[in-house]
N, C-alpha and C. Protein backbone atom coordinates (compact mmCIF):
# COMPACT_ATOMS: atom_id res chain seq x y z
N MET A 1 140.35 81.85 108.31
CA MET A 1 141.73 82.16 108.48
C MET A 1 142.23 83.71 108.24
N THR A 2 141.73 84.49 107.32
CA THR A 2 142.01 85.59 107.13
C THR A 2 141.66 86.54 108.58
N GLU A 3 140.39 86.23 108.80
CA GLU A 3 140.05 87.08 110.07
C GLU A 3 140.90 86.93 111.15
N ASN A 4 141.29 85.38 111.52
CA ASN A 4 142.23 85.23 112.59
C ASN A 4 143.48 86.02 112.42
N ASN A 5 144.08 86.12 111.29
CA ASN A 5 145.24 86.75 110.84
C ASN A 5 145.19 88.13 111.22
N ASN A 6 144.09 88.81 110.99
CA ASN A 6 143.99 90.06 111.24
C ASN A 6 143.62 90.46 112.61
N VAL A 7 143.07 89.69 113.33
CA VAL A 7 143.21 89.78 114.92
C VAL A 7 144.43 89.71 115.56
N GLN A 8 145.22 88.52 114.94
CA GLN A 8 146.52 88.67 115.66
C GLN A 8 147.45 89.61 115.16
N SER A 9 147.25 90.26 114.11
CA SER A 9 148.06 91.52 113.53
C SER A 9 147.61 92.82 114.34
N ASN A 10 146.29 92.88 114.69
CA ASN A 10 145.82 93.97 115.43
C ASN A 10 146.24 93.84 116.86
N SER A 11 146.50 92.57 117.45
CA SER A 11 146.90 92.60 118.81
C SER A 11 148.35 92.78 118.94
N THR A 12 149.02 92.51 117.91
CA THR A 12 150.47 92.69 117.89
C THR A 12 150.71 94.17 118.04
N PRO A 13 151.81 94.52 119.05
CA PRO A 13 152.15 96.03 119.05
C PRO A 13 152.74 96.38 117.88
N ASP A 14 152.86 97.62 117.39
CA ASP A 14 153.47 98.24 116.22
C ASP A 14 154.82 98.05 116.36
N TYR A 15 155.52 98.14 117.43
CA TYR A 15 157.07 98.15 117.45
C TYR A 15 157.44 96.67 117.21
N ILE A 16 156.54 95.52 117.72
CA ILE A 16 156.92 94.33 117.52
C ILE A 16 157.00 93.87 115.67
N ARG A 17 155.65 94.48 115.27
CA ARG A 17 155.63 94.28 113.71
C ARG A 17 156.75 95.12 113.30
N PHE A 18 157.34 96.17 113.53
CA PHE A 18 158.47 96.81 113.10
C PHE A 18 159.79 96.04 113.09
N PHE A 19 160.02 95.50 114.33
CA PHE A 19 161.19 94.73 114.51
C PHE A 19 161.25 93.37 113.92
N LEU A 20 159.87 92.94 113.41
CA LEU A 20 160.14 91.60 112.75
C LEU A 20 160.33 92.03 111.15
N LYS A 21 159.95 93.27 110.75
CA LYS A 21 160.55 93.62 109.48
C LYS A 21 161.91 94.12 109.26
N GLU A 22 162.32 94.94 110.34
CA GLU A 22 163.48 95.35 110.52
C GLU A 22 164.28 95.10 111.80
N PRO A 23 164.81 93.91 111.96
CA PRO A 23 165.18 93.65 113.39
C PRO A 23 166.22 94.37 113.86
N PRO A 24 166.38 94.61 114.98
CA PRO A 24 167.41 95.48 115.82
C PRO A 24 168.69 94.89 115.50
N LEU A 25 169.90 95.43 115.59
CA LEU A 25 171.26 94.97 115.30
C LEU A 25 171.50 93.68 116.29
N ILE A 26 170.82 93.62 117.46
CA ILE A 26 171.27 92.61 118.63
C ILE A 26 170.70 91.36 117.82
N LEU A 27 169.57 91.45 117.11
CA LEU A 27 168.83 90.36 116.61
C LEU A 27 169.02 90.08 115.12
N LYS A 28 170.17 90.62 114.51
CA LYS A 28 170.46 90.69 113.17
C LYS A 28 170.89 89.01 112.69
N ASN A 29 170.20 88.57 111.78
CA ASN A 29 170.63 87.31 111.39
C ASN A 29 169.73 86.30 112.12
N PHE A 30 168.95 86.52 112.73
CA PHE A 30 167.93 85.67 113.36
C PHE A 30 166.81 85.23 112.52
N HIS A 31 166.43 83.99 112.69
CA HIS A 31 165.26 83.65 111.97
C HIS A 31 164.03 84.44 112.55
N HIS A 32 162.88 84.83 111.69
CA HIS A 32 161.68 85.55 112.00
C HIS A 32 161.06 85.04 113.29
N GLU A 33 161.12 83.61 113.58
CA GLU A 33 160.62 83.13 114.62
C GLU A 33 161.20 83.32 115.93
N ASP A 34 162.55 83.27 115.71
CA ASP A 34 163.56 83.55 116.82
C ASP A 34 163.40 84.96 117.27
N VAL A 35 163.24 86.04 116.22
CA VAL A 35 163.26 87.36 116.54
C VAL A 35 161.77 87.46 117.57
N MET A 36 160.89 86.94 117.24
CA MET A 36 159.42 87.05 117.92
C MET A 36 159.68 86.27 119.22
N GLU A 37 160.33 85.38 119.48
CA GLU A 37 160.45 84.52 120.50
C GLU A 37 161.22 85.40 121.63
N PHE A 38 162.37 85.98 120.91
CA PHE A 38 163.30 86.57 121.81
C PHE A 38 162.60 88.11 122.44
N LEU A 39 161.58 88.72 121.68
CA LEU A 39 160.95 89.63 121.94
C LEU A 39 160.18 89.50 123.00
N LYS A 40 159.51 88.34 122.87
CA LYS A 40 158.47 87.94 123.79
C LYS A 40 159.11 87.75 125.27
N CYS A 41 160.36 87.56 125.57
CA CYS A 41 161.25 87.34 126.69
C CYS A 41 161.08 88.71 127.41
N GLY A 42 161.11 89.81 126.71
CA GLY A 42 161.11 91.11 127.14
C GLY A 42 159.94 91.66 128.05
N GLU A 43 160.11 92.25 129.10
CA GLU A 43 158.87 92.98 129.89
C GLU A 43 158.74 94.45 129.25
N LYS A 44 157.45 94.68 128.87
CA LYS A 44 157.30 96.01 128.40
C LYS A 44 157.34 97.15 129.35
N GLN A 45 158.00 98.10 129.37
CA GLN A 45 158.07 99.06 130.28
C GLN A 45 157.75 100.47 129.77
N HIS A 46 156.74 101.41 130.31
CA HIS A 46 156.76 102.61 129.63
C HIS A 46 157.24 103.73 130.69
N PHE A 47 157.95 104.56 130.16
CA PHE A 47 158.44 105.68 130.68
C PHE A 47 157.99 107.07 130.07
N LEU A 48 157.98 108.17 131.02
CA LEU A 48 157.62 109.28 130.80
C LEU A 48 158.80 110.14 130.63
N GLN A 49 158.85 111.24 129.88
CA GLN A 49 159.97 112.31 129.62
C GLN A 49 160.64 112.43 131.13
N ASP A 50 161.89 112.35 131.00
CA ASP A 50 162.89 112.59 132.33
C ASP A 50 162.75 111.61 133.36
N ASP A 51 162.06 110.36 133.29
CA ASP A 51 162.16 109.05 133.92
C ASP A 51 163.62 108.55 133.89
N VAL A 52 164.19 108.09 135.03
CA VAL A 52 165.21 107.38 134.97
C VAL A 52 165.20 106.04 134.90
N ILE A 53 165.55 105.55 133.96
CA ILE A 53 165.34 104.04 133.62
C ILE A 53 166.34 103.06 134.39
N VAL A 54 167.64 103.55 134.38
CA VAL A 54 168.67 102.78 135.00
C VAL A 54 169.48 103.86 135.64
N ARG A 55 170.16 103.40 136.79
CA ARG A 55 170.69 104.23 137.71
C ARG A 55 172.34 103.74 137.61
N GLU A 56 173.18 104.87 137.46
CA GLU A 56 174.58 104.54 137.70
C GLU A 56 174.85 103.72 138.85
N GLY A 57 175.61 102.73 138.90
CA GLY A 57 176.06 101.89 139.96
C GLY A 57 175.17 100.89 140.28
N ASP A 58 173.83 100.67 139.68
CA ASP A 58 173.13 99.46 139.76
C ASP A 58 173.79 98.32 139.37
N TYR A 59 173.38 97.22 139.82
CA TYR A 59 173.92 95.89 139.50
C TYR A 59 173.34 95.54 138.07
N VAL A 60 174.19 94.85 137.28
CA VAL A 60 173.96 94.41 135.86
C VAL A 60 173.28 93.11 135.89
N ASN A 61 171.89 93.10 135.67
CA ASN A 61 171.24 91.75 135.52
C ASN A 61 170.25 91.78 134.31
N SER A 62 170.23 92.95 133.60
CA SER A 62 169.07 93.21 132.57
C SER A 62 169.69 94.12 131.45
N ALA A 63 169.10 93.94 130.36
CA ALA A 63 169.38 94.93 129.33
C ALA A 63 168.08 95.37 128.66
N TYR A 64 168.16 96.43 128.08
CA TYR A 64 166.82 97.25 127.34
C TYR A 64 166.89 97.23 125.76
N LEU A 65 165.74 97.01 125.10
CA LEU A 65 165.64 97.44 123.80
C LEU A 65 164.64 98.53 123.76
N VAL A 66 165.08 99.67 123.19
CA VAL A 66 164.20 100.74 122.84
C VAL A 66 163.09 100.63 121.88
N ALA A 67 161.94 100.28 122.20
CA ALA A 67 160.71 99.98 121.37
C ALA A 67 160.20 100.98 120.66
N GLU A 68 160.15 102.19 121.37
CA GLU A 68 159.55 103.46 121.04
C GLU A 68 160.04 104.56 121.84
N GLY A 69 160.42 105.67 121.14
CA GLY A 69 160.86 106.68 121.82
C GLY A 69 162.30 106.94 121.93
N LYS A 70 163.00 107.83 122.54
CA LYS A 70 164.44 108.02 122.80
C LYS A 70 164.78 108.01 124.19
N VAL A 71 166.09 107.44 124.62
CA VAL A 71 166.60 107.66 125.76
C VAL A 71 168.02 108.32 125.63
N ALA A 72 168.50 108.79 126.74
CA ALA A 72 169.90 109.53 126.88
C ALA A 72 170.57 108.73 127.96
N ILE A 73 171.97 108.71 127.55
CA ILE A 73 172.90 108.16 128.41
C ILE A 73 173.68 109.21 129.01
N TRP A 74 173.83 109.09 130.51
CA TRP A 74 174.33 110.28 131.21
C TRP A 74 175.53 109.61 132.07
N GLN A 75 176.74 110.34 132.46
CA GLN A 75 177.68 109.98 133.27
C GLN A 75 178.05 111.31 133.96
N GLU A 76 178.26 111.39 135.07
CA GLU A 76 178.50 112.65 135.77
C GLU A 76 178.05 113.91 135.34
N ASN A 77 176.72 114.02 134.84
CA ASN A 77 175.89 115.07 134.43
C ASN A 77 176.52 115.59 133.14
N ILE A 78 177.15 114.51 132.29
CA ILE A 78 177.53 114.84 130.97
C ILE A 78 176.76 113.74 129.96
N GLN A 79 175.89 114.23 129.06
CA GLN A 79 175.15 113.39 128.20
C GLN A 79 176.05 112.72 127.07
N LEU A 80 176.31 111.37 127.09
CA LEU A 80 177.01 110.70 126.29
C LEU A 80 176.54 110.30 125.07
N ALA A 81 175.19 110.03 124.94
CA ALA A 81 174.66 109.68 123.74
C ALA A 81 173.22 109.74 123.79
N THR A 82 172.39 109.62 122.68
CA THR A 82 170.92 109.64 122.68
C THR A 82 170.68 108.52 121.58
N LEU A 83 169.86 107.70 122.25
CA LEU A 83 169.55 106.35 121.55
C LEU A 83 168.14 106.27 120.98
N SER A 84 167.63 105.65 120.11
CA SER A 84 166.25 105.59 119.65
C SER A 84 165.96 104.21 119.35
N THR A 85 164.52 104.31 118.69
CA THR A 85 164.05 102.73 118.61
C THR A 85 165.01 101.86 117.92
N GLY A 86 165.14 100.72 118.41
CA GLY A 86 165.85 99.49 118.02
C GLY A 86 167.09 99.58 118.70
N THR A 87 167.49 100.50 119.53
CA THR A 87 168.86 100.29 120.14
C THR A 87 168.74 99.28 121.28
N PHE A 88 169.82 98.66 121.51
CA PHE A 88 169.76 97.79 122.58
C PHE A 88 170.78 98.27 123.68
N LEU A 89 170.33 98.31 125.00
CA LEU A 89 171.40 98.94 126.11
C LEU A 89 171.76 97.89 126.91
N GLY A 90 172.88 97.78 127.18
CA GLY A 90 173.37 97.04 128.35
C GLY A 90 173.68 95.51 127.88
N GLU A 91 174.15 95.55 126.67
CA GLU A 91 174.46 94.30 125.88
C GLU A 91 175.19 93.37 126.27
N THR A 92 176.15 93.63 127.35
CA THR A 92 176.92 92.73 127.90
C THR A 92 176.51 91.99 129.06
N PHE A 93 175.10 92.20 129.39
CA PHE A 93 174.29 91.84 130.69
C PHE A 93 174.33 90.36 130.75
N LEU A 94 174.78 89.68 129.57
CA LEU A 94 174.99 88.13 129.87
C LEU A 94 176.37 87.83 130.44
N PHE A 95 177.17 88.61 130.18
CA PHE A 95 178.64 88.08 130.52
C PHE A 95 179.20 89.07 131.61
N SER A 96 178.41 90.14 131.83
CA SER A 96 179.13 91.07 132.99
C SER A 96 178.52 90.90 134.20
N LYS A 97 178.96 90.97 135.26
CA LYS A 97 178.55 90.89 136.55
C LYS A 97 178.91 92.27 137.36
N ASN A 98 179.10 93.38 136.49
CA ASN A 98 179.57 94.59 137.19
C ASN A 98 178.42 95.32 137.45
N ASN A 99 178.63 96.53 137.82
CA ASN A 99 177.78 97.63 137.95
C ASN A 99 177.61 98.53 136.78
N ARG A 100 176.31 99.24 136.68
CA ARG A 100 176.30 100.19 135.48
C ARG A 100 177.14 101.32 135.57
N VAL A 101 177.69 101.69 134.59
CA VAL A 101 178.62 102.66 134.42
C VAL A 101 177.92 104.22 134.14
N ALA A 102 176.64 104.19 133.83
CA ALA A 102 176.08 105.36 133.41
C ALA A 102 174.62 105.39 133.87
N LYS A 103 173.94 106.35 133.69
CA LYS A 103 172.59 106.69 134.12
C LYS A 103 171.90 106.77 132.75
N VAL A 104 170.60 106.11 132.63
CA VAL A 104 169.86 106.09 131.23
C VAL A 104 168.61 106.97 131.70
N VAL A 105 168.10 107.76 131.11
CA VAL A 105 166.91 108.84 131.15
C VAL A 105 166.21 108.76 129.87
N SER A 106 164.81 108.71 130.21
CA SER A 106 163.91 108.92 129.02
C SER A 106 164.03 110.32 128.45
N VAL A 107 164.20 110.53 127.21
CA VAL A 107 164.19 111.91 126.67
C VAL A 107 162.89 112.45 126.33
N GLU A 108 162.03 111.41 125.81
CA GLU A 108 160.69 111.62 125.72
C GLU A 108 159.77 110.38 126.18
N GLU A 109 158.50 110.44 125.95
CA GLU A 109 157.63 109.19 126.35
C GLU A 109 158.31 108.13 125.64
N SER A 110 158.68 106.91 126.32
CA SER A 110 159.34 105.79 125.70
C SER A 110 158.83 104.76 126.20
N THR A 111 158.91 103.69 125.13
CA THR A 111 158.55 102.21 125.74
C THR A 111 159.79 101.38 125.49
N LEU A 112 160.15 100.60 126.45
CA LEU A 112 161.33 99.89 126.37
C LEU A 112 161.17 98.37 126.64
N LEU A 113 161.61 97.43 126.25
CA LEU A 113 161.68 95.92 126.78
C LEU A 113 162.72 95.62 127.49
N ARG A 114 162.41 95.12 128.55
CA ARG A 114 163.46 94.91 129.52
C ARG A 114 163.62 93.23 129.60
N PHE A 115 164.99 92.85 129.47
CA PHE A 115 165.42 91.59 129.26
C PHE A 115 166.21 91.29 130.51
N GLU A 116 165.68 90.19 131.16
CA GLU A 116 166.41 89.56 132.50
C GLU A 116 167.54 88.69 132.01
N ARG A 117 168.66 88.50 132.64
CA ARG A 117 169.64 87.64 132.21
C ARG A 117 169.22 86.15 132.13
N HIS A 118 168.35 85.73 133.27
CA HIS A 118 168.22 84.27 133.45
C HIS A 118 167.11 84.02 132.46
N ASP A 119 166.31 84.90 132.13
CA ASP A 119 165.14 84.36 130.90
C ASP A 119 165.99 84.48 129.72
N ILE A 120 166.72 85.12 129.26
CA ILE A 120 167.50 84.99 127.93
C ILE A 120 168.50 84.05 127.89
N LEU A 121 169.24 83.48 129.13
CA LEU A 121 170.01 82.31 129.06
C LEU A 121 168.81 81.10 128.81
N ASN A 122 168.05 81.19 129.57
CA ASN A 122 166.98 80.00 129.54
C ASN A 122 166.49 79.93 127.97
N PHE A 123 166.30 80.95 127.21
CA PHE A 123 165.93 81.32 125.84
C PHE A 123 166.93 80.43 124.95
N PHE A 124 168.28 80.88 125.24
CA PHE A 124 169.29 80.22 124.33
C PHE A 124 169.73 78.88 124.82
N ARG A 125 169.28 78.29 125.83
CA ARG A 125 169.38 76.72 126.32
C ARG A 125 168.55 75.95 125.47
N ARG A 126 167.31 76.57 125.04
CA ARG A 126 166.25 75.85 124.13
C ARG A 126 166.70 75.96 122.81
N LYS A 127 167.60 76.69 122.39
CA LYS A 127 168.00 76.93 120.91
C LYS A 127 169.32 76.28 120.48
N PRO A 128 169.50 76.19 119.23
CA PRO A 128 170.58 75.66 118.68
C PRO A 128 172.04 76.70 119.07
N GLU A 129 173.11 76.03 119.39
CA GLU A 129 174.18 76.78 119.83
C GLU A 129 174.59 78.00 118.87
N LYS A 130 174.26 77.70 117.65
CA LYS A 130 174.39 78.62 116.29
C LYS A 130 173.79 79.90 116.90
N LEU A 131 172.45 80.02 117.32
CA LEU A 131 171.94 81.17 117.50
C LEU A 131 172.77 82.09 118.36
N PHE A 132 173.17 81.54 119.65
CA PHE A 132 174.01 82.15 120.62
C PHE A 132 175.24 82.87 119.96
N ASN A 133 175.75 81.85 119.14
CA ASN A 133 176.95 82.32 118.52
C ASN A 133 176.76 83.47 117.59
N ILE A 134 175.49 83.71 116.76
CA ILE A 134 175.12 84.77 116.10
C ILE A 134 174.86 86.08 117.20
N PHE A 135 174.10 85.75 118.32
CA PHE A 135 173.93 86.79 119.17
C PHE A 135 175.21 87.35 119.70
N THR A 136 176.34 86.68 119.95
CA THR A 136 177.44 87.03 120.50
C THR A 136 178.18 87.83 119.45
N ARG A 137 178.19 87.54 118.18
CA ARG A 137 178.76 88.40 117.13
C ARG A 137 178.08 89.64 117.00
N ASN A 138 176.65 89.69 117.25
CA ASN A 138 175.88 91.04 117.24
C ASN A 138 176.35 91.91 118.44
N ILE A 139 176.48 91.41 119.44
CA ILE A 139 177.13 92.17 120.61
C ILE A 139 178.41 92.67 120.13
N ILE A 140 179.34 91.90 119.69
CA ILE A 140 180.74 92.37 119.37
C ILE A 140 180.64 93.54 118.33
N GLU A 141 179.64 93.45 117.32
CA GLU A 141 179.50 94.46 116.53
C GLU A 141 178.80 95.78 117.21
N ILE A 142 178.27 95.56 117.99
CA ILE A 142 177.48 96.71 118.88
C ILE A 142 178.80 97.41 119.73
N GLN A 143 179.54 96.75 120.30
CA GLN A 143 180.73 97.15 120.90
C GLN A 143 181.49 97.89 120.01
N GLN A 144 181.78 97.25 118.95
CA GLN A 144 182.61 97.87 118.04
C GLN A 144 182.16 99.41 117.63
N ALA A 145 180.89 99.27 117.16
CA ALA A 145 180.52 100.56 116.78
C ALA A 145 180.50 101.54 118.01
N LYS A 146 180.39 101.23 119.13
CA LYS A 146 180.38 102.11 120.33
C LYS A 146 181.90 102.71 120.39
N ILE A 147 182.80 101.82 120.25
CA ILE A 147 184.35 102.09 120.30
C ILE A 147 184.57 103.20 119.06
N SER A 148 184.17 102.76 118.08
CA SER A 148 184.32 103.82 116.81
C SER A 148 183.73 105.30 116.98
N ASN A 149 182.58 105.21 117.63
CA ASN A 149 181.91 106.47 117.91
C ASN A 149 182.60 107.21 118.99
N MET A 150 183.18 106.46 120.07
CA MET A 150 184.19 107.29 121.04
C MET A 150 185.24 107.66 120.34
N ASN A 151 185.97 107.06 119.43
CA ASN A 151 187.18 107.53 118.89
C ASN A 151 187.01 108.70 118.13
N VAL A 152 185.82 108.82 117.45
CA VAL A 152 185.45 109.96 116.79
C VAL A 152 185.26 111.07 117.82
N GLN A 153 184.34 110.90 118.73
CA GLN A 153 184.13 112.10 119.59
C GLN A 153 185.55 112.29 120.24
N LEU A 154 186.30 111.47 120.81
CA LEU A 154 187.63 111.84 121.28
C LEU A 154 188.48 112.67 120.35
N PHE A 155 188.45 112.25 119.23
CA PHE A 155 189.22 112.85 118.01
C PHE A 155 188.70 114.49 117.95
N ASN A 156 187.52 114.59 117.81
CA ASN A 156 186.91 115.92 117.63
C ASN A 156 187.21 116.84 118.73
N LEU A 157 187.15 116.14 120.05
CA LEU A 157 187.24 116.89 121.27
C LEU A 157 188.86 117.37 121.20
N LYS A 158 189.70 116.54 120.81
CA LYS A 158 191.05 116.84 121.04
C LYS A 158 191.47 118.03 119.84
N LYS A 159 190.93 117.84 118.72
CA LYS A 159 190.83 118.75 117.69
C LYS A 159 190.45 120.11 118.09
N ARG A 160 189.27 120.19 118.97
CA ARG A 160 188.69 121.32 119.26
C ARG A 160 189.53 122.10 120.27
N LEU A 161 190.11 121.25 121.38
CA LEU A 161 191.07 121.68 122.36
C LEU A 161 192.34 122.15 121.78
N LEU A 162 192.92 121.54 120.99
CA LEU A 162 194.15 121.90 120.21
C LEU A 162 194.10 123.22 119.52
N LYS A 163 192.86 123.42 118.85
CA LYS A 163 192.51 124.83 118.00
C LYS A 163 192.22 125.85 118.81
N ASP A 164 191.47 125.58 119.97
CA ASP A 164 191.39 126.67 121.10
C ASP A 164 192.44 127.04 121.89
N ASN A 165 193.48 126.08 122.19
CA ASN A 165 194.68 126.48 122.75
C ASN A 165 195.86 126.99 121.91
N GLY A 166 195.49 127.12 120.53
CA GLY A 166 196.46 127.83 119.43
C GLY A 166 197.56 126.84 119.33
N TRP A 167 197.26 125.73 119.60
CA TRP A 167 198.74 124.71 119.47
C TRP A 167 198.81 124.33 117.95
């Protein structure tokens, strides 16, 4: 039995073991088994530094979880953010039928899990409705954090502009 557990633990990637110990915000309050099953829905993709992961204008039908490494969000040649391990990008992919509003580029060698809309919807169809409600609350928390961060950035920018103009 112990030997079998060691084989299983050795074959489980480090990032999966990490996410089981410390689930990303998108999976907060999920049971251990649900975290593992959700992560298995993702397709592992490896990117080298400066690889484009998502292009601005692409149709939204997937989301990504940064498993290892860092990625940057760009819009019109302006870097908006740098995201690292555990960050979920494109969290509105289940609800949005829009196009991507920014480009995502790998800052360094990175591994991401790509989640397709239909796979995740099928995952939640097999689960109690409560789990989807938890997932939705997690998305709202992620969106609120993004809005708060944008407000801080906007405030700092305005403060610098007013200071530079001598107002």
